[in-house]
Amino acid sequence: MNADERSDAVEIHSDSGMPAADIDVFDLASPFDEPSNPSTPMTPTPPERASIDRAECEKTTRDAIDAIDREMRAHAYSKEQGQEYLAELLELTQQLRACKQL
């Protein structure tokens, strides 16, 4: 068997000098290995983008709360209307808390 025949029979992995078939046998996955595709959907949002989203969410929610507050101060309202305002304020307060989770 000459050198050409041996190269056809066993493929040599150039990095380690080991036959390719042997590398497959000893290539074990580790739970600490990084994923092959780093741009998976589980990649967290960059911190600067998250802070922009959070700030924008908080601003729009606070603006809505302020608008209700101005309306309540500017106009006389019935008890039922006051309850509606309070319900809206409660919902917006919960939304503001959710903004802080972004």
PDB file of N, CA and C in Angstrom:
ATOM      1  N   MET A   1       0.853  -1.162   0.000  1.00  0.00           N
ATOM      2  CA  MET A   1       0.000   0.000   0.000  1.00  0.00           C
ATOM      3  C   MET A   1       0.903   1.230   0.000  1.00  0.00           C
ATOM      4  N   ASN A   2       0.699   2.122  -0.959  1.00  0.00           N
ATOM      5  CA  ASN A   2       1.519   3.328  -1.016  1.00  0.00           C
ATOM      6  C   ASN A   2       0.835   4.477  -0.260  1.00  0.00           C
ATOM      7  N   ALA A   3       1.450   5.643  -0.232  1.00  0.00           N
ATOM      8  CA  ALA A   3       0.956   6.776   0.550  1.00  0.00           C
ATOM      9  C   ALA A   3      -0.398   7.261   0.050  1.00  0.00           C
ATOM     10  N   ASP A   4      -0.625   7.211  -1.281  1.00  0.00           N
ATOM     11  CA  ASP A   4      -1.905   7.655  -1.815  1.00  0.00           C
ATOM     12  C   ASP A   4      -3.031   6.754  -1.353  1.00  0.00           C
ATOM     13  N   GLU A   5      -2.799   5.447  -1.331  1.00  0.00           N
ATOM     14  CA  GLU A   5      -3.824   4.505  -0.897  1.00  0.00           C
ATOM     15  C   GLU A   5      -4.136   4.696   0.583  1.00  0.00           C
ATOM     16  N   ARG A   6      -3.138   4.952   1.420  1.00  0.00           N
ATOM     17  CA  ARG A   6      -3.365   5.153   2.852  1.00  0.00           C
ATOM     18  C   ARG A   6      -4.164   6.433   3.100  1.00  0.00           C
ATOM     19  N   SER A   7      -3.941   7.488   2.336  1.00  0.00           N
ATOM     20  CA  SER A   7      -4.680   8.729   2.551  1.00  0.00           C
ATOM     21  C   SER A   7      -6.148   8.555   2.175  1.00  0.00           C
ATOM     22  N   ASP A   8      -6.432   7.645   1.222  1.00  0.00           N
ATOM     23  CA  ASP A   8      -7.816   7.369   0.882  1.00  0.00           C
ATOM     24  C   ASP A   8      -8.479   6.516   1.954  1.00  0.00           C
ATOM     25  N   ALA A   9      -7.749   5.640   2.574  1.00  0.00           N
ATOM     26  CA  ALA A   9      -8.319   4.711   3.545  1.00  0.00           C
ATOM     27  C   ALA A   9      -8.674   5.399   4.859  1.00  0.00           C
ATOM     28  N   VAL A  10      -7.833   6.293   5.341  1.00  0.00           N
ATOM     29  CA  VAL A  10      -8.074   6.955   6.626  1.00  0.00           C
ATOM     30  C   VAL A  10      -7.889   8.444   6.434  1.00  0.00           C
ATOM     31  N   GLU A  11      -8.933   9.194   6.723  1.00  0.00           N
ATOM     32  CA  GLU A  11      -8.844  10.644   6.609  1.00  0.00           C
ATOM     33  C   GLU A  11      -8.205  11.177   7.886  1.00  0.00           C
ATOM     34  N   ILE A  12      -7.192  12.009   7.738  1.00  0.00           N
ATOM     35  CA  ILE A  12      -6.488  12.568   8.887  1.00  0.00           C
ATOM     36  C   ILE A  12      -7.015  13.973   9.151  1.00  0.00           C
ATOM     37  N   HIS A  13      -7.383  14.237  10.385  1.00  0.00           N
ATOM     38  CA  HIS A  13      -7.818  15.577  10.780  1.00  0.00           C
ATOM     39  C   HIS A  13      -6.578  16.437  10.920  1.00  0.00           C
ATOM     40  N   SER A  14      -6.530  17.535  10.199  1.00  0.00           N
ATOM     41  CA  SER A  14      -5.301  18.322  10.121  1.00  0.00           C
ATOM     42  C   SER A  14      -4.937  19.000  11.439  1.00  0.00           C
ATOM     43  N   ASP A  15      -5.891  19.333  12.299  1.00  0.00           N
ATOM     44  CA  ASP A  15      -5.573  20.039  13.541  1.00  0.00           C
ATOM     45  C   ASP A  15      -4.878  19.146  14.556  1.00  0.00           C
ATOM     46  N   SER A  16      -5.322  17.903  14.676  1.00  0.00           N
ATOM     47  CA  SER A  16      -4.770  17.059  15.733  1.00  0.00           C
ATOM     48  C   SER A  16      -3.908  15.927  15.221  1.00  0.00           C
ATOM     49  N   GLY A  17      -3.977  15.633  13.940  1.00  0.00           N
ATOM     50  CA  GLY A  17      -3.210  14.530  13.389  1.00  0.00           C
ATOM     51  C   GLY A  17      -3.864  13.181  13.651  1.00  0.00           C
ATOM     52  N   MET A  18      -5.044  13.174  14.258  1.00  0.00           N
ATOM     53  CA  MET A  18      -5.759  11.926  14.537  1.00  0.00           C
ATOM     54  C   MET A  18      -6.712  11.633  13.387  1.00  0.00           C
ATOM     55  N   PRO A  19      -7.020  10.377  13.154  1.00  0.00           N
ATOM     56  CA  PRO A  19      -8.011  10.047  12.128  1.00  0.00           C
ATOM     57  C   PRO A  19      -9.357  10.681  12.472  1.00  0.00           C
ATOM     58  N   ALA A  20     -10.080  11.141  11.456  1.00  0.00           N
ATOM     59  CA  ALA A  20     -11.348  11.831  11.668  1.00  0.00           C
ATOM     60  C   ALA A  20     -12.351  10.950  12.398  1.00  0.00           C
ATOM     61  N   ALA A  21     -12.377   9.652  12.106  1.00  0.00           N
ATOM     62  CA  ALA A  21     -13.318   8.752  12.766  1.00  0.00           C
ATOM     63  C   ALA A  21     -13.058   8.708  14.266  1.00  0.00           C
ATOM     64  N   ASP A  22     -11.791   8.731  14.677  1.00  0.00           N
ATOM     65  CA  ASP A  22     -11.464   8.707  16.100  1.00  0.00           C
ATOM     66  C   ASP A  22     -11.886   9.998  16.795  1.00  0.00           C
ATOM     67  N   ILE A  23     -11.808  11.119  16.105  1.00  0.00           N
ATOM     68  CA  ILE A  23     -12.214  12.393  16.698  1.00  0.00           C
ATOM     69  C   ILE A  23     -13.701  12.372  17.000  1.00  0.00           C
ATOM     70  N   ASP A  24     -14.500  11.816  16.091  1.00  0.00           N
ATOM     71  CA  ASP A  24     -15.932  11.739  16.323  1.00  0.00           C
ATOM     72  C   ASP A  24     -16.247  10.897  17.551  1.00  0.00           C
ATOM     73  N   VAL A  25     -15.491   9.851  17.772  1.00  0.00           N
ATOM     74  CA  VAL A  25     -15.732   8.969  18.906  1.00  0.00           C
ATOM     75  C   VAL A  25     -15.447   9.692  20.218  1.00  0.00           C
ATOM     76  N   PHE A  26     -14.406  10.521  20.261  1.00  0.00           N
ATOM     77  CA  PHE A  26     -13.997  11.156  21.504  1.00  0.00           C
ATOM     78  C   PHE A  26     -14.514  12.583  21.670  1.00  0.00           C
ATOM     79  N   ASP A  27     -15.301  13.073  20.743  1.00  0.00           N
ATOM     80  CA  ASP A  27     -15.820  14.430  20.834  1.00  0.00           C
ATOM     81  C   ASP A  27     -17.108  14.408  21.649  1.00  0.00           C
ATOM     82  N   LEU A  28     -16.993  14.664  22.937  1.00  0.00           N
ATOM     83  CA  LEU A  28     -18.147  14.645  23.822  1.00  0.00           C
ATOM     84  C   LEU A  28     -18.662  16.064  24.036  1.00  0.00           C
ATOM     85  N   ALA A  29     -19.965  16.190  24.139  1.00  0.00           N
ATOM     86  CA  ALA A  29     -20.557  17.501  24.394  1.00  0.00           C
ATOM     87  C   ALA A  29     -20.474  17.801  25.881  1.00  0.00           C
ATOM     88  N   SER A  30     -20.150  19.004  26.184  1.00  0.00           N
ATOM     89  CA  SER A  30     -20.075  19.450  27.573  1.00  0.00           C
ATOM     90  C   SER A  30     -21.201  20.443  27.820  1.00  0.00           C
ATOM     91  N   PRO A  31     -21.842  20.387  28.978  1.00  0.00           N
ATOM     92  CA  PRO A  31     -22.895  21.365  29.253  1.00  0.00           C
ATOM     93  C   PRO A  31     -22.346  22.783  29.371  1.00  0.00           C
ATOM     94  N   PHE A  32     -21.029  22.911  29.474  1.00  0.00           N
ATOM     95  CA  PHE A  32     -20.412  24.222  29.596  1.00  0.00           C
ATOM     96  C   PHE A  32     -19.962  24.782  28.256  1.00  0.00           C
ATOM     97  N   ASP A  33     -20.117  23.992  27.174  1.00  0.00           N
ATOM     98  CA  ASP A  33     -19.758  24.477  25.847  1.00  0.00           C
ATOM     99  C   ASP A  33     -20.705  25.596  25.449  1.00  0.00           C
ATOM    100  N   GLU A  34     -20.205  26.535  24.673  1.00  0.00           N
ATOM    101  CA  GLU A  34     -21.045  27.603  24.167  1.00  0.00           C
ATOM    102  C   GLU A  34     -21.857  27.059  22.998  1.00  0.00           C
ATOM    103  N   PRO A  35     -23.073  27.560  22.785  1.00  0.00           N
ATOM    104  CA  PRO A  35     -23.881  27.083  21.670  1.00  0.00           C
ATOM    105  C   PRO A  35     -23.209  27.403  20.342  1.00  0.00           C
ATOM    106  N   SER A  36     -23.484  26.557  19.343  1.00  0.00           N
ATOM    107  CA  SER A  36     -22.864  26.757  18.042  1.00  0.00           C
ATOM    108  C   SER A  36     -23.384  28.014  17.358  1.00  0.00           C
ATOM    109  N   ASN A  37     -24.614  28.416  17.657  1.00  0.00           N
ATOM    110  CA  ASN A  37     -25.195  29.617  17.076  1.00  0.00           C
ATOM    111  C   ASN A  37     -25.442  30.624  18.197  1.00  0.00           C
ATOM    112  N   PRO A  38     -24.546  31.588  18.413  1.00  0.00           N
ATOM    113  CA  PRO A  38     -24.703  32.506  19.535  1.00  0.00           C
ATOM    114  C   PRO A  38     -25.866  33.478  19.396  1.00  0.00           C
ATOM    115  N   SER A  39     -26.455  33.612  18.219  1.00  0.00           N
ATOM    116  CA  SER A  39     -27.568  34.537  18.054  1.00  0.00           C
ATOM    117  C   SER A  39     -28.906  33.824  18.188  1.00  0.00           C
ATOM    118  N   THR A  40     -29.037  32.950  19.172  1.00  0.00           N
ATOM    119  CA  THR A  40     -30.290  32.258  19.415  1.00  0.00           C
ATOM    120  C   THR A  40     -31.283  33.222  20.038  1.00  0.00           C
ATOM    121  N   PRO A  41     -32.573  32.912  19.984  1.00  0.00           N
ATOM    122  CA  PRO A  41     -33.574  33.800  20.563  1.00  0.00           C
ATOM    123  C   PRO A  41     -33.418  33.984  22.070  1.00  0.00           C
ATOM    124  N   MET A  42     -32.689  33.104  22.735  1.00  0.00           N
ATOM    125  CA  MET A  42     -32.519  33.212  24.172  1.00  0.00           C
ATOM    126  C   MET A  42     -31.447  34.239  24.536  1.00  0.00           C
ATOM    127  N   THR A  43     -30.815  34.840  23.544  1.00  0.00           N
ATOM    128  CA  THR A  43     -29.804  35.851  23.805  1.00  0.00           C
ATOM    129  C   THR A  43     -30.494  37.052  24.446  1.00  0.00           C
ATOM    130  N   PRO A  44     -30.017  37.507  25.605  1.00  0.00           N
ATOM    131  CA  PRO A  44     -30.685  38.624  26.266  1.00  0.00           C
ATOM    132  C   PRO A  44     -30.534  39.917  25.477  1.00  0.00           C
ATOM    133  N   THR A  45     -31.457  40.828  25.722  1.00  0.00           N
ATOM    134  CA  THR A  45     -31.419  42.126  25.080  1.00  0.00           C
ATOM    135  C   THR A  45     -30.210  42.892  25.598  1.00  0.00           C
ATOM    136  N   PRO A  46     -29.494  43.574  24.729  1.00  0.00           N
ATOM    137  CA  PRO A  46     -28.361  44.371  25.214  1.00  0.00           C
ATOM    138  C   PRO A  46     -28.833  45.349  26.292  1.00  0.00           C
ATOM    139  N   PRO A  47     -28.031  45.585  27.321  1.00  0.00           N
ATOM    140  CA  PRO A  47     -28.471  46.428  28.437  1.00  0.00           C
ATOM    141  C   PRO A  47     -28.911  47.830  28.022  1.00  0.00           C
ATOM    142  N   GLU A  48     -28.223  48.421  27.046  1.00  0.00           N
ATOM    143  CA  GLU A  48     -28.603  49.770  26.650  1.00  0.00           C
ATOM    144  C   GLU A  48     -29.976  49.783  25.989  1.00  0.00           C
ATOM    145  N   ARG A  49     -30.307  48.758  25.218  1.00  0.00           N
ATOM    146  CA  ARG A  49     -31.624  48.695  24.576  1.00  0.00           C
ATOM    147  C   ARG A  49     -32.709  48.440  25.615  1.00  0.00           C
ATOM    148  N   ALA A  50     -32.427  47.569  26.571  1.00  0.00           N
ATOM    149  CA  ALA A  50     -33.400  47.279  27.619  1.00  0.00           C
ATOM    150  C   ALA A  50     -33.682  48.527  28.443  1.00  0.00           C
ATOM    151  N   SER A  51     -32.660  49.304  28.742  1.00  0.00           N
ATOM    152  CA  SER A  51     -32.876  50.513  29.540  1.00  0.00           C
ATOM    153  C   SER A  51     -33.664  51.552  28.747  1.00  0.00           C
ATOM    154  N   ILE A  52     -33.462  51.602  27.438  1.00  0.00           N
ATOM    155  CA  ILE A  52     -34.237  52.519  26.600  1.00  0.00           C
ATOM    156  C   ILE A  52     -35.695  52.086  26.576  1.00  0.00           C
ATOM    157  N   ASP A  53     -35.945  50.779  26.397  1.00  0.00           N
ATOM    158  CA  ASP A  53     -37.313  50.263  26.403  1.00  0.00           C
ATOM    159  C   ASP A  53     -37.982  50.538  27.745  1.00  0.00           C
ATOM    160  N   ARG A  54     -37.256  50.292  28.836  1.00  0.00           N
ATOM    161  CA  ARG A  54     -37.800  50.503  30.175  1.00  0.00           C
ATOM    162  C   ARG A  54     -38.136  51.978  30.379  1.00  0.00           C
ATOM    163  N   ALA A  55     -37.222  52.851  29.995  1.00  0.00           N
ATOM    164  CA  ALA A  55     -37.446  54.288  30.167  1.00  0.00           C
ATOM    165  C   ALA A  55     -38.639  54.761  29.341  1.00  0.00           C
ATOM    166  N   GLU A  56     -38.748  54.251  28.125  1.00  0.00           N
ATOM    167  CA  GLU A  56     -39.863  54.629  27.258  1.00  0.00           C
ATOM    168  C   GLU A  56     -41.188  54.142  27.840  1.00  0.00           C
ATOM    169  N   CYS A  57     -41.212  52.916  28.327  1.00  0.00           N
ATOM    170  CA  CYS A  57     -42.410  52.344  28.938  1.00  0.00           C
ATOM    171  C   CYS A  57     -42.817  53.157  30.164  1.00  0.00           C
ATOM    172  N   GLU A  58     -41.840  53.460  31.018  1.00  0.00           N
ATOM    173  CA  GLU A  58     -42.127  54.233  32.225  1.00  0.00           C
ATOM    174  C   GLU A  58     -42.637  55.629  31.878  1.00  0.00           C
ATOM    175  N   LYS A  59     -42.041  56.258  30.869  1.00  0.00           N
ATOM    176  CA  LYS A  59     -42.444  57.618  30.506  1.00  0.00           C
ATOM    177  C   LYS A  59     -43.881  57.646  29.995  1.00  0.00           C
ATOM    178  N   THR A  60     -44.230  56.737  29.095  1.00  0.00           N
ATOM    179  CA  THR A  60     -45.592  56.743  28.556  1.00  0.00           C
ATOM    180  C   THR A  60     -46.612  56.425  29.646  1.00  0.00           C
ATOM    181  N   THR A  61     -46.264  55.527  30.553  1.00  0.00           N
ATOM    182  CA  THR A  61     -47.185  55.181  31.634  1.00  0.00           C
ATOM    183  C   THR A  61     -47.340  56.352  32.597  1.00  0.00           C
ATOM    184  N   ARG A  62     -46.239  56.979  32.955  1.00  0.00           N
ATOM    185  CA  ARG A  62     -46.313  58.148  33.857  1.00  0.00           C
ATOM    186  C   ARG A  62     -47.085  59.302  33.200  1.00  0.00           C
ATOM    187  N   ASP A  63     -46.912  59.476  31.898  1.00  0.00           N
ATOM    188  CA  ASP A  63     -47.662  60.521  31.193  1.00  0.00           C
ATOM    189  C   ASP A  63     -49.164  60.249  31.268  1.00  0.00           C
ATOM    190  N   ALA A  64     -49.553  58.985  31.124  1.00  0.00           N
ATOM    191  CA  ALA A  64     -50.970  58.623  31.212  1.00  0.00           C
ATOM    192  C   ALA A  64     -51.503  58.863  32.630  1.00  0.00           C
ATOM    193  N   ILE A  65     -50.708  58.522  33.635  1.00  0.00           N
ATOM    194  CA  ILE A  65     -51.108  58.760  35.028  1.00  0.00           C
ATOM    195  C   ILE A  65     -51.261  60.261  35.274  1.00  0.00           C
ATOM    196  N   ASP A  66     -50.310  61.048  34.785  1.00  0.00           N
ATOM    197  CA  ASP A  66     -50.376  62.503  34.956  1.00  0.00           C
ATOM    198  C   ASP A  66     -51.597  63.094  34.262  1.00  0.00           C
ATOM    199  N   ALA A  67     -51.947  62.566  33.094  1.00  0.00           N
ATOM    200  CA  ALA A  67     -53.117  63.064  32.365  1.00  0.00           C
ATOM    201  C   ALA A  67     -54.391  62.813  33.172  1.00  0.00           C
ATOM    202  N   ILE A  68     -54.508  61.642  33.774  1.00  0.00           N
ATOM    203  CA  ILE A  68     -55.678  61.339  34.604  1.00  0.00           C
ATOM    204  C   ILE A  68     -55.688  62.252  35.828  1.00  0.00           C
ATOM    205  N   ASP A  69     -54.530  62.451  36.427  1.00  0.00           N
ATOM    206  CA  ASP A  69     -54.431  63.320  37.601  1.00  0.00           C
ATOM    207  C   ASP A  69     -54.867  64.746  37.262  1.00  0.00           C
ATOM    208  N   ARG A  70     -54.411  65.272  36.131  1.00  0.00           N
ATOM    209  CA  ARG A  70     -54.809  66.625  35.713  1.00  0.00           C
ATOM    210  C   ARG A  70     -56.317  66.701  35.486  1.00  0.00           C
ATOM    211  N   GLU A  71     -56.854  65.675  34.855  1.00  0.00           N
ATOM    212  CA  GLU A  71     -58.293  65.655  34.583  1.00  0.00           C
ATOM    213  C   GLU A  71     -59.089  65.637  35.885  1.00  0.00           C
ATOM    214  N   MET A  72     -58.633  64.842  36.838  1.00  0.00           N
ATOM    215  CA  MET A  72     -59.344  64.757  38.117  1.00  0.00           C
ATOM    216  C   MET A  72     -59.291  66.098  38.857  1.00  0.00           C
ATOM    217  N   ARG A  73     -58.170  66.784  38.787  1.00  0.00           N
ATOM    218  CA  ARG A  73     -58.021  68.072  39.488  1.00  0.00           C
ATOM    219  C   ARG A  73     -58.792  69.199  38.786  1.00  0.00           C
ATOM    220  N   ALA A  74     -58.888  69.128  37.476  1.00  0.00           N
ATOM    221  CA  ALA A  74     -59.484  70.222  36.708  1.00  0.00           C
ATOM    222  C   ALA A  74     -61.012  70.196  36.704  1.00  0.00           C
ATOM    223  N   HIS A  75     -61.595  69.028  36.818  1.00  0.00           N
ATOM    224  CA  HIS A  75     -63.046  68.913  36.671  1.00  0.00           C
ATOM    225  C   HIS A  75     -63.665  68.251  37.897  1.00  0.00           C
ATOM    226  N   ALA A  76     -64.901  68.663  38.143  1.00  0.00           N
ATOM    227  CA  ALA A  76     -65.677  67.973  39.175  1.00  0.00           C
ATOM    228  C   ALA A  76     -66.148  66.657  38.568  1.00  0.00           C
ATOM    229  N   TYR A  77     -66.177  65.613  39.376  1.00  0.00           N
ATOM    230  CA  TYR A  77     -66.571  64.311  38.850  1.00  0.00           C
ATOM    231  C   TYR A  77     -67.444  63.596  39.872  1.00  0.00           C
ATOM    232  N   SER A  78     -68.276  62.703  39.349  1.00  0.00           N
ATOM    233  CA  SER A  78     -69.181  61.945  40.216  1.00  0.00           C
ATOM    234  C   SER A  78     -68.413  60.829  40.914  1.00  0.00           C
ATOM    235  N   LYS A  79     -69.088  60.204  41.864  1.00  0.00           N
ATOM    236  CA  LYS A  79     -68.458  59.102  42.594  1.00  0.00           C
ATOM    237  C   LYS A  79     -68.123  57.950  41.640  1.00  0.00           C
ATOM    238  N   GLU A  80     -69.033  57.661  40.717  1.00  0.00           N
ATOM    239  CA  GLU A  80     -68.796  56.586  39.750  1.00  0.00           C
ATOM    240  C   GLU A  80     -67.609  56.915  38.848  1.00  0.00           C
ATOM    241  N   GLN A  81     -67.554  58.161  38.424  1.00  0.00           N
ATOM    242  CA  GLN A  81     -66.442  58.576  37.566  1.00  0.00           C
ATOM    243  C   GLN A  81     -65.125  58.519  38.350  1.00  0.00           C
ATOM    244  N   GLY A  82     -65.175  58.863  39.631  1.00  0.00           N
ATOM    245  CA  GLY A  82     -63.989  58.769  40.483  1.00  0.00           C
ATOM    246  C   GLY A  82     -63.508  57.329  40.599  1.00  0.00           C
ATOM    247  N   GLN A  83     -64.455  56.399  40.701  1.00  0.00           N
ATOM    248  CA  GLN A  83     -64.093  54.977  40.764  1.00  0.00           C
ATOM    249  C   GLN A  83     -63.438  54.522  39.457  1.00  0.00           C
ATOM    250  N   GLU A  84     -63.948  55.036  38.333  1.00  0.00           N
ATOM    251  CA  GLU A  84     -63.346  54.708  37.038  1.00  0.00           C
ATOM    252  C   GLU A  84     -61.917  55.247  36.955  1.00  0.00           C
ATOM    253  N   TYR A  85     -61.728  56.478  37.409  1.00  0.00           N
ATOM    254  CA  TYR A  85     -60.377  57.056  37.421  1.00  0.00           C
ATOM    255  C   TYR A  85     -59.435  56.210  38.278  1.00  0.00           C
ATOM    256  N   LEU A  86     -59.911  55.834  39.464  1.00  0.00           N
ATOM    257  CA  LEU A  86     -59.072  55.031  40.358  1.00  0.00           C
ATOM    258  C   LEU A  86     -58.733  53.676  39.743  1.00  0.00           C
ATOM    259  N   ALA A  87     -59.706  53.072  39.048  1.00  0.00           N
ATOM    260  CA  ALA A  87     -59.448  51.783  38.387  1.00  0.00           C
ATOM    261  C   ALA A  87     -58.384  51.952  37.295  1.00  0.00           C
ATOM    262  N   GLU A  88     -58.499  53.051  36.532  1.00  0.00           N
ATOM    263  CA  GLU A  88     -57.492  53.318  35.495  1.00  0.00           C
ATOM    264  C   GLU A  88     -56.119  53.556  36.115  1.00  0.00           C
ATOM    265  N   LEU A  89     -56.091  54.308  37.218  1.00  0.00           N
ATOM    266  CA  LEU A  89     -54.820  54.577  37.895  1.00  0.00           C
ATOM    267  C   LEU A  89     -54.200  53.292  38.434  1.00  0.00           C
ATOM    268  N   LEU A  90     -55.020  52.405  38.969  1.00  0.00           N
ATOM    269  CA  LEU A  90     -54.513  51.129  39.472  1.00  0.00           C
ATOM    270  C   LEU A  90     -53.917  50.306  38.333  1.00  0.00           C
ATOM    271  N   GLU A  91     -54.615  50.263  37.210  1.00  0.00           N
ATOM    272  CA  GLU A  91     -54.117  49.523  36.049  1.00  0.00           C
ATOM    273  C   GLU A  91     -52.792  50.116  35.548  1.00  0.00           C
ATOM    274  N   LEU A  92     -52.714  51.434  35.503  1.00  0.00           N
ATOM    275  CA  LEU A  92     -51.480  52.086  35.049  1.00  0.00           C
ATOM    276  C   LEU A  92     -50.338  51.873  36.042  1.00  0.00           C
ATOM    277  N   THR A  93     -50.660  51.840  37.327  1.00  0.00           N
ATOM    278  CA  THR A  93     -49.630  51.579  38.335  1.00  0.00           C
ATOM    279  C   THR A  93     -49.070  50.173  38.169  1.00  0.00           C
ATOM    280  N   GLN A  94     -49.943  49.213  37.895  1.00  0.00           N
ATOM    281  CA  GLN A  94     -49.486  47.841  37.653  1.00  0.00           C
ATOM    282  C   GLN A  94     -48.638  47.777  36.387  1.00  0.00           C
ATOM    283  N   GLN A  95     -49.027  48.534  35.378  1.00  0.00           N
ATOM    284  CA  GLN A  95     -48.244  48.583  34.138  1.00  0.00           C
ATOM    285  C   GLN A  95     -46.871  49.196  34.411  1.00  0.00           C
ATOM    286  N   LEU A  96     -46.823  50.218  35.259  1.00  0.00           N
ATOM    287  CA  LEU A  96     -45.548  50.849  35.604  1.00  0.00           C
ATOM    288  C   LEU A  96     -44.631  49.853  36.310  1.00  0.00           C
ATOM    289  N   ARG A  97     -45.193  49.028  37.172  1.00  0.00           N
ATOM    290  CA  ARG A  97     -44.400  47.980  37.832  1.00  0.00           C
ATOM    291  C   ARG A  97     -43.868  46.986  36.805  1.00  0.00           C
ATOM    292  N   ALA A  98     -44.695  46.653  35.820  1.00  0.00           N
ATOM    293  CA  ALA A  98     -44.258  45.722  34.766  1.00  0.00           C
ATOM    294  C   ALA A  98     -43.129  46.342  33.935  1.00  0.00           C
ATOM    295  N   CYS A  99     -43.173  47.653  33.747  1.00  0.00           N
ATOM    296  CA  CYS A  99     -42.103  48.334  32.999  1.00  0.00           C
ATOM    297  C   CYS A  99     -40.761  48.141  33.690  1.00  0.00           C
ATOM    298  N   LYS A 100     -40.755  48.137  34.995  1.00  0.00           N
ATOM    299  CA  LYS A 100     -39.507  48.004  35.752  1.00  0.00           C
ATOM    300  C   LYS A 100     -38.905  46.611  35.602  1.00  0.00           C
ATOM    301  N   GLN A 101     -39.685  45.642  35.124  1.00  0.00           N
ATOM    302  CA  GLN A 101     -39.187  44.286  34.911  1.00  0.00           C
ATOM    303  C   GLN A 101     -38.483  44.135  33.568  1.00  0.00           C
ATOM    304  N   LEU A 102     -38.613  45.137  32.699  1.00  0.00           N
ATOM    305  CA  LEU A 102     -37.965  45.055  31.373  1.00  0.00           C
ATOM    306  C   LEU A 102     -36.471  45.111  31.493  1.00  0.00           C
TER     307      LEU A 102
END
